[in-house]
Amino acid sequence: MISPVRAELAELRNHFKKNKKIRDYQAHTSKVHSVGWSCDGRRLASGSFDKSVTVFTLDRDRLSKEHNFTGHDGSVDQICWHSSNSNLLSTASGDKTVRIWDSRSKKCVTKINTKGENINITWSPDGSTIAVGNKEDLVTFIDTRTDKIKEEKQFRFEVNEISWNKQGDLFFLTNGQGCINILSYPSLELRHVLQCHPGTCICIEFDPTGKYFATGSADALVSLWDVSDLVCMRTFQRLDWPVRTLSFSHDGKLLASASEDLIIDIGDVESGEKVTEIAVEAATFTVAWHPKQYLLAFACDDKQERYERKGGAGTVRLFGCFGSNE
């Protein structure tokens, strides 16, 4: 008799055998650095080296370009939607600013000047704070109710990616020493240092159920951690290059990870087994599952010549099955 876990795994694999089409959408004139879905799944945004942000609308089986936001004077390195307001989008840029865009009014509603070239950004679960990290390992906390900087914290190690937990009372940083530093929030006092990898710890992602978080590293491993016990549950070892980006599916069952490998790996969270993989023609540095369905957005590195010859510059791609967003 087949166990329920094996049956569910077989069902997921069969789903992607039937829904493996990749659709391309021209979004920018140069490399796409970041993609992300709004909380309701109705919009997909992308940030690019061309200094702009493009917002698409998803309508059942079609993605339509809604608006292109311009105004940054430098590359848009990372985007992050508000956790509950589907109209608000924040961006981190090398021009030393953070901006908040309103997709409904189609304009920039806030511009905050910061001290350095920003490379990563995250929005607190309650929407009250934006944290942004720059190239000098300074993390700036912005009060979104006043649009003012309320705190800055300088770190003495390489800060790669930042995130709150789902409750918003802990703040996580991945670093160049293979560790995750966990701070209490808002006091920002150090609570734990987890030695996660022998190589640089690059990215971190929390699953939507709040049960796990995953880390990706320069050692080409993905580690899955229990949030409550801070114990590593398992590792995913199918990539050969540093893991740059992670995303959990809406139900927390699947974990997508990507690197300079010419595949995007999609694994089963509970077993660690491979569910499927997406063949790509260049390094992939940004992936994002839709918040309600098995639809994965991603973008590849357009700097690689063989990819540019195929017309890949500025392209956002979708893999999987289009469904209702209701």
C-alpha atoms as a PDB file:
ATOM      1  CA  MET A   1       0.000   0.000   0.000  1.00  0.00           C
ATOM      2  CA  ILE A   2       1.338   3.442  -0.975  1.00  0.00           C
ATOM      3  CA  SER A   3       1.761   5.806   1.977  1.00  0.00           C
ATOM      4  CA  PRO A   4      -0.091   9.163   1.944  1.00  0.00           C
ATOM      5  CA  VAL A   5       3.247  10.998   1.668  1.00  0.00           C
ATOM      6  CA  ARG A   6       4.342   8.966  -1.364  1.00  0.00           C
ATOM      7  CA  ALA A   7       0.925   9.378  -2.958  1.00  0.00           C
ATOM      8  CA  GLU A   8       1.034  13.161  -2.526  1.00  0.00           C
ATOM      9  CA  LEU A   9       4.557  13.292  -3.950  1.00  0.00           C
ATOM     10  CA  ALA A  10       3.447  11.273  -6.972  1.00  0.00           C
ATOM     11  CA  GLU A  11       0.483  13.605  -7.432  1.00  0.00           C
ATOM     12  CA  LEU A  12       2.740  16.682  -7.380  1.00  0.00           C
ATOM     13  CA  ARG A  13       5.130  15.141  -9.895  1.00  0.00           C
ATOM     14  CA  ASN A  14       2.237  14.262 -12.164  1.00  0.00           C
ATOM     15  CA  HIS A  15       0.893  17.816 -11.880  1.00  0.00           C
ATOM     16  CA  PHE A  16       4.137  19.295 -13.187  1.00  0.00           C
ATOM     17  CA  LYS A  17       4.409  16.717 -15.970  1.00  0.00           C
ATOM     18  CA  LYS A  18       1.100  18.094 -17.225  1.00  0.00           C
ATOM     19  CA  ASN A  19       1.904  21.751 -16.454  1.00  0.00           C
ATOM     20  CA  LYS A  20       5.520  22.352 -17.457  1.00  0.00           C
ATOM     21  CA  LYS A  21       5.103  25.141 -19.996  1.00  0.00           C
ATOM     22  CA  ILE A  22       7.283  28.252 -19.650  1.00  0.00           C
ATOM     23  CA  ARG A  23       5.899  31.570 -20.840  1.00  0.00           C
ATOM     24  CA  ASP A  24       8.106  34.597 -21.508  1.00  0.00           C
ATOM     25  CA  TYR A  25       7.168  38.238 -20.897  1.00  0.00           C
ATOM     26  CA  GLN A  26       9.295  41.192 -21.941  1.00  0.00           C
ATOM     27  CA  ALA A  27       9.611  43.433 -18.901  1.00  0.00           C
ATOM     28  CA  HIS A  28      12.801  45.512 -19.199  1.00  0.00           C
ATOM     29  CA  THR A  29      15.618  46.560 -21.511  1.00  0.00           C
ATOM     30  CA  SER A  30      18.317  44.867 -19.392  1.00  0.00           C
ATOM     31  CA  LYS A  31      18.846  42.256 -16.688  1.00  0.00           C
ATOM     32  CA  VAL A  32      16.036  41.559 -14.202  1.00  0.00           C
ATOM     33  CA  HIS A  33      17.331  41.480 -10.621  1.00  0.00           C
ATOM     34  CA  SER A  34      14.181  40.684  -8.643  1.00  0.00           C
ATOM     35  CA  VAL A  35      10.635  39.388  -9.107  1.00  0.00           C
ATOM     36  CA  GLY A  36       7.783  39.208  -6.607  1.00  0.00           C
ATOM     37  CA  TRP A  37       4.014  38.717  -6.336  1.00  0.00           C
ATOM     38  CA  SER A  38       1.585  40.987  -4.508  1.00  0.00           C
ATOM     39  CA  CYS A  39      -0.065  39.413  -1.461  1.00  0.00           C
ATOM     40  CA  ASP A  40      -3.298  38.697  -3.375  1.00  0.00           C
ATOM     41  CA  GLY A  41      -1.448  37.261  -6.380  1.00  0.00           C
ATOM     42  CA  ARG A  42      -3.048  39.646  -8.825  1.00  0.00           C
ATOM     43  CA  ARG A  43       0.168  41.470  -9.706  1.00  0.00           C
ATOM     44  CA  LEU A  44       3.746  40.499 -10.464  1.00  0.00           C
ATOM     45  CA  ALA A  45       6.516  43.093 -10.219  1.00  0.00           C
ATOM     46  CA  SER A  46      10.106  43.042 -11.447  1.00  0.00           C
ATOM     47  CA  GLY A  47      13.080  45.310 -10.750  1.00  0.00           C
ATOM     48  CA  SER A  48      15.918  45.731 -13.203  1.00  0.00           C
ATOM     49  CA  PHE A  49      19.385  47.020 -13.928  1.00  0.00           C
ATOM     50  CA  ASP A  50      17.622  49.471 -16.293  1.00  0.00           C
ATOM     51  CA  LYS A  51      16.555  51.445 -13.153  1.00  0.00           C
ATOM     52  CA  SER A  52      12.859  50.698 -13.575  1.00  0.00           C
ATOM     53  CA  VAL A  53      10.110  48.599 -12.016  1.00  0.00           C
ATOM     54  CA  THR A  54       7.536  46.831 -14.175  1.00  0.00           C
ATOM     55  CA  VAL A  55       4.174  45.686 -12.831  1.00  0.00           C
ATOM     56  CA  PHE A  56       2.109  43.015 -14.587  1.00  0.00           C
ATOM     57  CA  THR A  57      -1.502  42.047 -13.910  1.00  0.00           C
ATOM     58  CA  LEU A  58      -2.415  38.354 -13.812  1.00  0.00           C
ATOM     59  CA  ASP A  59      -5.855  37.621 -15.241  1.00  0.00           C
ATOM     60  CA  ARG A  60      -6.587  33.883 -15.249  1.00  0.00           C
ATOM     61  CA  ASP A  61      -4.309  32.575 -18.033  1.00  0.00           C
ATOM     62  CA  ARG A  62      -2.613  35.793 -19.073  1.00  0.00           C
ATOM     63  CA  LEU A  63      -0.035  38.225 -17.725  1.00  0.00           C
ATOM     64  CA  SER A  64      -0.475  41.786 -19.008  1.00  0.00           C
ATOM     65  CA  LYS A  65       1.904  44.685 -18.527  1.00  0.00           C
ATOM     66  CA  GLU A  66       0.167  47.274 -16.350  1.00  0.00           C
ATOM     67  CA  HIS A  67       2.776  49.960 -15.714  1.00  0.00           C
ATOM     68  CA  ASN A  68       6.485  50.759 -15.786  1.00  0.00           C
ATOM     69  CA  PHE A  69       7.703  52.833 -12.834  1.00  0.00           C
ATOM     70  CA  THR A  70      10.721  55.069 -13.411  1.00  0.00           C
ATOM     71  CA  GLY A  71      12.516  57.483 -11.107  1.00  0.00           C
ATOM     72  CA  HIS A  72      15.427  55.572  -9.572  1.00  0.00           C
ATOM     73  CA  ASP A  73      18.850  56.830 -10.670  1.00  0.00           C
ATOM     74  CA  GLY A  74      20.479  53.454 -10.121  1.00  0.00           C
ATOM     75  CA  SER A  75      19.820  49.771 -10.593  1.00  0.00           C
ATOM     76  CA  VAL A  76      16.753  48.375  -8.805  1.00  0.00           C
ATOM     77  CA  ASP A  77      18.317  45.475  -6.940  1.00  0.00           C
ATOM     78  CA  GLN A  78      15.409  44.129  -4.922  1.00  0.00           C
ATOM     79  CA  ILE A  79      11.647  44.591  -4.653  1.00  0.00           C
ATOM     80  CA  CYS A  80       9.266  43.708  -1.823  1.00  0.00           C
ATOM     81  CA  TRP A  81       5.475  43.978  -1.685  1.00  0.00           C
ATOM     82  CA  HIS A  82       3.534  44.991   1.421  1.00  0.00           C
ATOM     83  CA  SER A  83       2.420  41.871   3.320  1.00  0.00           C
ATOM     84  CA  SER A  84      -1.291  42.793   3.344  1.00  0.00           C
ATOM     85  CA  ASN A  85      -1.785  45.840   1.074  1.00  0.00           C
ATOM     86  CA  SER A  86      -1.715  44.513  -2.482  1.00  0.00           C
ATOM     87  CA  ASN A  87      -1.159  47.983  -3.973  1.00  0.00           C
ATOM     88  CA  LEU A  88       2.079  48.933  -2.214  1.00  0.00           C
ATOM     89  CA  LEU A  89       5.518  47.920  -3.449  1.00  0.00           C
ATOM     90  CA  SER A  90       8.929  48.901  -2.046  1.00  0.00           C
ATOM     91  CA  THR A  91      12.255  48.976  -3.898  1.00  0.00           C
ATOM     92  CA  ALA A  92      15.924  49.075  -2.905  1.00  0.00           C
ATOM     93  CA  SER A  93      18.331  50.782  -5.293  1.00  0.00           C
ATOM     94  CA  GLY A  94      21.978  51.580  -5.742  1.00  0.00           C
ATOM     95  CA  ASP A  95      21.004  55.279  -5.915  1.00  0.00           C
ATOM     96  CA  LYS A  96      20.904  55.364  -2.068  1.00  0.00           C
ATOM     97  CA  THR A  97      17.118  55.592  -1.876  1.00  0.00           C
ATOM     98  CA  VAL A  98      14.182  53.422  -0.914  1.00  0.00           C
ATOM     99  CA  ARG A  99      10.936  54.084  -2.745  1.00  0.00           C
ATOM    100  CA  ILE A 100       7.359  53.001  -2.186  1.00  0.00           C
ATOM    101  CA  TRP A 101       5.125  52.737  -5.245  1.00  0.00           C
ATOM    102  CA  ASP A 102       1.342  52.586  -5.405  1.00  0.00           C
ATOM    103  CA  SER A 103       0.230  50.328  -8.242  1.00  0.00           C
ATOM    104  CA  ARG A 104      -3.310  51.685  -8.046  1.00  0.00           C
ATOM    105  CA  SER A 105      -2.386  55.369  -8.490  1.00  0.00           C
ATOM    106  CA  LYS A 106       0.640  54.376 -10.619  1.00  0.00           C
ATOM    107  CA  LYS A 107       3.094  56.692  -8.891  1.00  0.00           C
ATOM    108  CA  CYS A 108       5.855  56.854  -6.326  1.00  0.00           C
ATOM    109  CA  VAL A 109       4.256  57.813  -3.005  1.00  0.00           C
ATOM    110  CA  THR A 110       7.394  57.879  -0.843  1.00  0.00           C
ATOM    111  CA  LYS A 111      11.119  58.417  -1.352  1.00  0.00           C
ATOM    112  CA  ILE A 112      13.499  57.877   1.581  1.00  0.00           C
ATOM    113  CA  ASN A 113      17.171  58.831   1.319  1.00  0.00           C
ATOM    114  CA  THR A 114      19.598  56.368   2.908  1.00  0.00           C
ATOM    115  CA  LYS A 115      23.341  56.363   3.556  1.00  0.00           C
ATOM    116  CA  GLY A 116      24.543  53.777   1.075  1.00  0.00           C
ATOM    117  CA  GLU A 117      23.895  51.734  -2.052  1.00  0.00           C
ATOM    118  CA  ASN A 118      21.002  49.487  -1.124  1.00  0.00           C
ATOM    119  CA  ILE A 119      21.004  45.821  -2.115  1.00  0.00           C
ATOM    120  CA  ASN A 120      18.255  44.108  -0.096  1.00  0.00           C
ATOM    121  CA  ILE A 121      14.898  45.009   1.363  1.00  0.00           C
ATOM    122  CA  THR A 122      12.133  43.420   3.441  1.00  0.00           C
ATOM    123  CA  TRP A 123       8.784  44.576   4.835  1.00  0.00           C
ATOM    124  CA  SER A 124       7.705  43.659   8.375  1.00  0.00           C
ATOM    125  CA  PRO A 125       4.676  41.338   8.639  1.00  0.00           C
ATOM    126  CA  ASP A 126       2.502  44.113  10.102  1.00  0.00           C
ATOM    127  CA  GLY A 127       3.545  46.553   7.378  1.00  0.00           C
ATOM    128  CA  SER A 128       4.762  49.189   9.827  1.00  0.00           C
ATOM    129  CA  THR A 129       8.483  48.954   9.012  1.00  0.00           C
ATOM    130  CA  ILE A 130      10.765  48.474   6.041  1.00  0.00           C
ATOM    131  CA  ALA A 131      14.323  47.231   6.598  1.00  0.00           C
ATOM    132  CA  VAL A 132      16.935  47.853   3.926  1.00  0.00           C
ATOM    133  CA  GLY A 133      20.544  46.703   3.816  1.00  0.00           C
ATOM    134  CA  ASN A 134      23.354  48.365   1.884  1.00  0.00           C
ATOM    135  CA  LYS A 135      26.765  47.371   0.519  1.00  0.00           C
ATOM    136  CA  GLU A 136      28.496  48.591   3.693  1.00  0.00           C
ATOM    137  CA  ASP A 137      26.461  46.167   5.881  1.00  0.00           C
ATOM    138  CA  LEU A 138      24.355  48.943   7.386  1.00  0.00           C
ATOM    139  CA  VAL A 139      20.705  48.002   7.961  1.00  0.00           C
ATOM    140  CA  THR A 140      18.239  50.897   8.061  1.00  0.00           C
ATOM    141  CA  PHE A 141      14.755  50.598   9.589  1.00  0.00           C
ATOM    142  CA  ILE A 142      12.102  52.897   8.113  1.00  0.00           C
ATOM    143  CA  ASP A 143       8.782  53.694   9.810  1.00  0.00           C
ATOM    144  CA  THR A 144       6.223  53.469   6.991  1.00  0.00           C
ATOM    145  CA  ARG A 145       3.652  55.488   8.959  1.00  0.00           C
ATOM    146  CA  THR A 146       5.918  58.554   9.084  1.00  0.00           C
ATOM    147  CA  ASP A 147       8.266  57.688   6.189  1.00  0.00           C
ATOM    148  CA  LYS A 148      11.186  58.450   8.507  1.00  0.00           C
ATOM    149  CA  ILE A 149      14.249  56.438   9.444  1.00  0.00           C
ATOM    150  CA  LYS A 150      13.760  55.241  13.015  1.00  0.00           C
ATOM    151  CA  GLU A 151      16.955  53.245  13.498  1.00  0.00           C
ATOM    152  CA  GLU A 152      20.204  52.217  11.817  1.00  0.00           C
ATOM    153  CA  LYS A 153      22.405  49.309  12.821  1.00  0.00           C
ATOM    154  CA  GLN A 154      25.932  48.754  11.532  1.00  0.00           C
ATOM    155  CA  PHE A 155      27.165  45.171  11.417  1.00  0.00           C
ATOM    156  CA  ARG A 156      30.786  44.048  11.447  1.00  0.00           C
ATOM    157  CA  PHE A 157      30.180  41.117   9.143  1.00  0.00           C
ATOM    158  CA  GLU A 158      28.962  40.722   5.576  1.00  0.00           C
ATOM    159  CA  VAL A 159      25.155  40.968   5.581  1.00  0.00           C
ATOM    160  CA  ASN A 160      23.664  39.175   2.597  1.00  0.00           C
ATOM    161  CA  GLU A 161      19.906  38.952   3.122  1.00  0.00           C
ATOM    162  CA  ILE A 162      17.477  40.072   5.822  1.00  0.00           C
ATOM    163  CA  SER A 163      14.027  38.963   6.946  1.00  0.00           C
ATOM    164  CA  TRP A 164      11.554  39.053   9.801  1.00  0.00           C
ATOM    165  CA  ASN A 165       9.923  35.882  11.057  1.00  0.00           C
ATOM    166  CA  LYS A 166       6.155  35.576  10.529  1.00  0.00           C
ATOM    167  CA  GLN A 167       5.359  37.009  13.970  1.00  0.00           C
ATOM    168  CA  GLY A 168       7.626  40.020  13.428  1.00  0.00           C
ATOM    169  CA  ASP A 169       9.366  39.666  16.795  1.00  0.00           C
ATOM    170  CA  LEU A 170      12.638  38.272  15.427  1.00  0.00           C
ATOM    171  CA  PHE A 171      14.925  39.671  12.729  1.00  0.00           C
ATOM    172  CA  PHE A 172      17.178  37.338  10.736  1.00  0.00           C
ATOM    173  CA  LEU A 173      20.382  38.156   8.827  1.00  0.00           C
ATOM    174  CA  THR A 174      22.449  35.769   6.688  1.00  0.00           C
ATOM    175  CA  ASN A 175      26.167  36.467   6.694  1.00  0.00           C
ATOM    176  CA  GLY A 176      29.482  35.767   5.006  1.00  0.00           C
ATOM    177  CA  GLN A 177      30.612  33.474   7.818  1.00  0.00           C
ATOM    178  CA  GLY A 178      27.989  30.843   7.034  1.00  0.00           C
ATOM    179  CA  CYS A 179      25.797  31.943   9.945  1.00  0.00           C
ATOM    180  CA  ILE A 180      22.361  33.335  10.608  1.00  0.00           C
ATOM    181  CA  ASN A 181      22.233  36.043  13.253  1.00  0.00           C
ATOM    182  CA  ILE A 182      18.848  36.228  14.959  1.00  0.00           C
ATOM    183  CA  LEU A 183      17.962  39.475  16.721  1.00  0.00           C
ATOM    184  CA  SER A 184      14.973  40.283  18.883  1.00  0.00           C
ATOM    185  CA  TYR A 185      12.753  42.987  17.394  1.00  0.00           C
ATOM    186  CA  PRO A 186      12.408  45.894  17.989  1.00  0.00           C
ATOM    187  CA  SER A 187      15.258  45.860  20.548  1.00  0.00           C
ATOM    188  CA  LEU A 188      17.722  44.383  17.978  1.00  0.00           C
ATOM    189  CA  GLU A 189      19.509  42.469  20.705  1.00  0.00           C
ATOM    190  CA  LEU A 190      21.358  39.337  19.585  1.00  0.00           C
ATOM    191  CA  ARG A 191      19.434  36.178  20.538  1.00  0.00           C
ATOM    192  CA  HIS A 192      21.086  33.373  18.564  1.00  0.00           C
ATOM    193  CA  VAL A 193      23.866  32.709  16.083  1.00  0.00           C
ATOM    194  CA  LEU A 194      23.229  29.597  13.979  1.00  0.00           C
ATOM    195  CA  GLN A 195      26.147  28.034  12.130  1.00  0.00           C
ATOM    196  CA  CYS A 196      24.222  26.936   9.066  1.00  0.00           C
ATOM    197  CA  HIS A 197      26.827  26.298   6.388  1.00  0.00           C
ATOM    198  CA  PRO A 198      30.605  26.008   5.969  1.00  0.00           C
ATOM    199  CA  GLY A 199      30.390  28.578   3.180  1.00  0.00           C
ATOM    200  CA  THR A 200      28.801  32.018   2.926  1.00  0.00           C
ATOM    201  CA  CYS A 201      25.110  32.001   3.846  1.00  0.00           C
ATOM    202  CA  ILE A 202      23.471  33.909   0.997  1.00  0.00           C
ATOM    203  CA  CYS A 203      19.673  33.833   1.128  1.00  0.00           C
ATOM    204  CA  ILE A 204      16.839  33.091   3.544  1.00  0.00           C
ATOM    205  CA  GLU A 205      13.132  32.430   3.064  1.00  0.00           C
ATOM    206  CA  PHE A 206      10.273  31.667   5.493  1.00  0.00           C
ATOM    207  CA  ASP A 207       7.518  29.277   4.490  1.00  0.00           C
ATOM    208  CA  PRO A 208       3.953  30.655   4.520  1.00  0.00           C
ATOM    209  CA  THR A 209       2.845  28.348   7.344  1.00  0.00           C
ATOM    210  CA  GLY A 210       5.521  29.739   9.679  1.00  0.00           C
ATOM    211  CA  LYS A 211       6.845  26.249  10.431  1.00  0.00           C
ATOM    212  CA  TYR A 212      10.156  26.392   8.550  1.00  0.00           C
ATOM    213  CA  PHE A 213      12.733  28.683   7.082  1.00  0.00           C
ATOM    214  CA  ALA A 214      15.295  27.769   4.441  1.00  0.00           C
ATOM    215  CA  THR A 215      18.781  29.064   3.761  1.00  0.00           C
ATOM    216  CA  GLY A 216      20.891  28.915   0.611  1.00  0.00           C
ATOM    217  CA  SER A 217      24.673  28.945   0.665  1.00  0.00           C
ATOM    218  CA  ALA A 218      27.862  29.240  -1.332  1.00  0.00           C
ATOM    219  CA  ASP A 219      28.408  25.541  -0.554  1.00  0.00           C
ATOM    220  CA  ALA A 220      25.552  24.788  -3.023  1.00  0.00           C
ATOM    221  CA  LEU A 221      23.341  23.434  -0.224  1.00  0.00           C
ATOM    222  CA  VAL A 222      19.850  24.430   0.839  1.00  0.00           C
ATOM    223  CA  SER A 223      19.124  23.854   4.535  1.00  0.00           C
ATOM    224  CA  LEU A 224      15.626  23.553   5.982  1.00  0.00           C
ATOM    225  CA  TRP A 225      15.215  24.724   9.592  1.00  0.00           C
ATOM    226  CA  ASP A 226      12.480  24.324  12.166  1.00  0.00           C
ATOM    227  CA  VAL A 227      11.491  27.830  13.299  1.00  0.00           C
ATOM    228  CA  SER A 228      10.534  26.882  16.858  1.00  0.00           C
ATOM    229  CA  ASP A 229      13.478  24.643  17.742  1.00  0.00           C
ATOM    230  CA  LEU A 230      16.099  26.196  15.412  1.00  0.00           C
ATOM    231  CA  VAL A 231      17.087  22.690  14.332  1.00  0.00           C
ATOM    232  CA  CYS A 232      18.137  21.762  10.786  1.00  0.00           C
ATOM    233  CA  MET A 233      15.592  19.247   9.496  1.00  0.00           C
ATOM    234  CA  ARG A 234      17.231  18.336   6.185  1.00  0.00           C
ATOM    235  CA  THR A 235      19.324  19.593   3.308  1.00  0.00           C
ATOM    236  CA  PHE A 236      18.724  19.727  -0.426  1.00  0.00           C
ATOM    237  CA  GLN A 237      21.851  18.827  -2.368  1.00  0.00           C
ATOM    238  CA  ARG A 238      20.961  18.807  -6.052  1.00  0.00           C
ATOM    239  CA  LEU A 239      22.657  22.051  -7.128  1.00  0.00           C
ATOM    240  CA  ASP A 240      26.382  22.439  -7.859  1.00  0.00           C
ATOM    241  CA  TRP A 241      26.774  26.225  -7.562  1.00  0.00           C
ATOM    242  CA  PRO A 242      26.109  28.809  -4.819  1.00  0.00           C
ATOM    243  CA  VAL A 243      22.384  29.005  -4.053  1.00  0.00           C
ATOM    244  CA  ARG A 244      21.231  32.567  -4.751  1.00  0.00           C
ATOM    245  CA  THR A 245      17.460  32.480  -4.387  1.00  0.00           C
ATOM    246  CA  LEU A 246      14.698  30.500  -2.653  1.00  0.00           C
ATOM    247  CA  SER A 247      10.910  30.469  -2.608  1.00  0.00           C
ATOM    248  CA  PHE A 248       8.271  28.340  -0.855  1.00  0.00           C
ATOM    249  CA  SER A 249       5.000  27.513  -2.578  1.00  0.00           C
ATOM    250  CA  HIS A 250       1.739  28.936  -1.221  1.00  0.00           C
ATOM    251  CA  ASP A 251       0.958  25.755   0.761  1.00  0.00           C
ATOM    252  CA  GLY A 252       4.499  25.289   2.066  1.00  0.00           C
ATOM    253  CA  LYS A 253       4.837  21.930   0.302  1.00  0.00           C
ATOM    254  CA  LEU A 254       7.413  22.909  -2.337  1.00  0.00           C
ATOM    255  CA  LEU A 255      10.728  24.751  -2.215  1.00  0.00           C
ATOM    256  CA  ALA A 256      12.271  26.244  -5.354  1.00  0.00           C
ATOM    257  CA  SER A 257      15.997  26.990  -5.342  1.00  0.00           C
ATOM    258  CA  ALA A 258      18.282  28.347  -8.042  1.00  0.00           C
ATOM    259  CA  SER A 259      21.884  29.237  -8.750  1.00  0.00           C
ATOM    260  CA  GLU A 260      24.296  29.299 -11.674  1.00  0.00           C
ATOM    261  CA  ASP A 261      23.224  25.737 -12.442  1.00  0.00           C
ATOM    262  CA  LEU A 262      21.180  25.449 -15.621  1.00  0.00           C
ATOM    263  CA  ILE A 263      18.197  24.150 -13.677  1.00  0.00           C
ATOM    264  CA  ILE A 264      15.798  25.466 -11.058  1.00  0.00           C
ATOM    265  CA  ASP A 265      15.287  22.723  -8.488  1.00  0.00           C
ATOM    266  CA  ILE A 266      11.836  22.145  -7.016  1.00  0.00           C
ATOM    267  CA  GLY A 267      11.875  19.887  -3.979  1.00  0.00           C
ATOM    268  CA  ASP A 268       9.317  18.402  -1.614  1.00  0.00           C
ATOM    269  CA  VAL A 269       9.711  20.165   1.734  1.00  0.00           C
ATOM    270  CA  GLU A 270       8.806  17.232   4.006  1.00  0.00           C
ATOM    271  CA  SER A 271      10.863  14.534   2.277  1.00  0.00           C
ATOM    272  CA  GLY A 272      13.563  16.573   0.547  1.00  0.00           C
ATOM    273  CA  GLU A 273      12.983  14.615  -2.665  1.00  0.00           C
ATOM    274  CA  LYS A 274      12.948  16.218  -6.090  1.00  0.00           C
ATOM    275  CA  VAL A 275       9.491  16.940  -7.478  1.00  0.00           C
ATOM    276  CA  THR A 276      10.597  18.468 -10.765  1.00  0.00           C
ATOM    277  CA  GLU A 277      13.185  20.791 -12.272  1.00  0.00           C
ATOM    278  CA  ILE A 278      13.048  23.652 -14.741  1.00  0.00           C
ATOM    279  CA  ALA A 279      15.711  23.727 -17.446  1.00  0.00           C
ATOM    280  CA  VAL A 280      17.132  27.227 -17.989  1.00  0.00           C
ATOM    281  CA  GLU A 281      19.859  28.601 -20.256  1.00  0.00           C
ATOM    282  CA  ALA A 282      21.612  30.890 -17.791  1.00  0.00           C
ATOM    283  CA  ALA A 283      22.126  31.525 -14.081  1.00  0.00           C
ATOM    284  CA  THR A 284      18.928  32.280 -12.150  1.00  0.00           C
ATOM    285  CA  PHE A 285      19.131  34.789  -9.302  1.00  0.00           C
ATOM    286  CA  THR A 286      15.446  35.397  -8.509  1.00  0.00           C
ATOM    287  CA  VAL A 287      12.453  33.045  -8.128  1.00  0.00           C
ATOM    288  CA  ALA A 288       9.004  33.616  -6.581  1.00  0.00           C
ATOM    289  CA  TRP A 289       6.055  31.249  -6.181  1.00  0.00           C
ATOM    290  CA  HIS A 290       2.581  32.698  -6.608  1.00  0.00           C
ATOM    291  CA  PRO A 291       0.818  33.105  -3.207  1.00  0.00           C
ATOM    292  CA  LYS A 292      -2.184  30.971  -4.213  1.00  0.00           C
ATOM    293  CA  GLN A 293      -1.183  28.496  -6.923  1.00  0.00           C
ATOM    294  CA  TYR A 294       1.664  26.465  -8.404  1.00  0.00           C
ATOM    295  CA  LEU A 295       2.943  29.200 -10.677  1.00  0.00           C
ATOM    296  CA  LEU A 296       6.615  30.172 -10.436  1.00  0.00           C
ATOM    297  CA  ALA A 297       8.021  33.493 -11.667  1.00  0.00           C
ATOM    298  CA  PHE A 298      11.744  33.723 -12.357  1.00  0.00           C
ATOM    299  CA  ALA A 299      14.350  35.643 -14.335  1.00  0.00           C
ATOM    300  CA  CYS A 300      17.780  34.647 -15.609  1.00  0.00           C
ATOM    301  CA  ASP A 301      21.138  36.380 -15.961  1.00  0.00           C
ATOM    302  CA  ASP A 302      21.110  38.209 -19.298  1.00  0.00           C
ATOM    303  CA  LYS A 303      24.848  38.872 -19.162  1.00  0.00           C
ATOM    304  CA  GLN A 304      25.549  35.432 -20.539  1.00  0.00           C
ATOM    305  CA  GLU A 305      25.941  35.730 -24.300  1.00  0.00           C
ATOM    306  CA  ARG A 306      24.218  32.524 -25.281  1.00  0.00           C
ATOM    307  CA  TYR A 307      21.143  33.746 -23.438  1.00  0.00           C
ATOM    308  CA  GLU A 308      21.179  37.231 -24.950  1.00  0.00           C
ATOM    309  CA  ARG A 309      21.281  35.726 -28.423  1.00  0.00           C
ATOM    310  CA  LYS A 310      17.958  34.106 -27.650  1.00  0.00           C
ATOM    311  CA  GLY A 311      16.418  37.496 -26.854  1.00  0.00           C
ATOM    312  CA  GLY A 312      16.418  36.960 -23.099  1.00  0.00           C
ATOM    313  CA  ALA A 313      17.397  40.460 -21.938  1.00  0.00           C
ATOM    314  CA  GLY A 314      14.822  41.886 -19.530  1.00  0.00           C
ATOM    315  CA  THR A 315      12.556  38.844 -19.669  1.00  0.00           C
ATOM    316  CA  VAL A 316      10.345  37.566 -16.853  1.00  0.00           C
ATOM    317  CA  ARG A 317       9.309  33.933 -17.097  1.00  0.00           C
ATOM    318  CA  LEU A 318       6.418  31.932 -15.658  1.00  0.00           C
ATOM    319  CA  PHE A 319       6.447  28.170 -15.113  1.00  0.00           C
ATOM    320  CA  GLY A 320       3.441  26.055 -14.191  1.00  0.00           C
ATOM    321  CA  CYS A 321      -0.306  26.170 -14.292  1.00  0.00           C
ATOM    322  CA  PHE A 322      -2.393  29.319 -14.584  1.00  0.00           C
ATOM    323  CA  GLY A 323      -5.486  29.209 -12.410  1.00  0.00           C
ATOM    324  CA  SER A 324      -8.085  31.395 -10.746  1.00  0.00           C
ATOM    325  CA  ASN A 325      -6.900  34.020  -8.261  1.00  0.00           C
ATOM    326  CA  GLU A 326     -10.160  34.210  -6.393  1.00  0.00           C
END
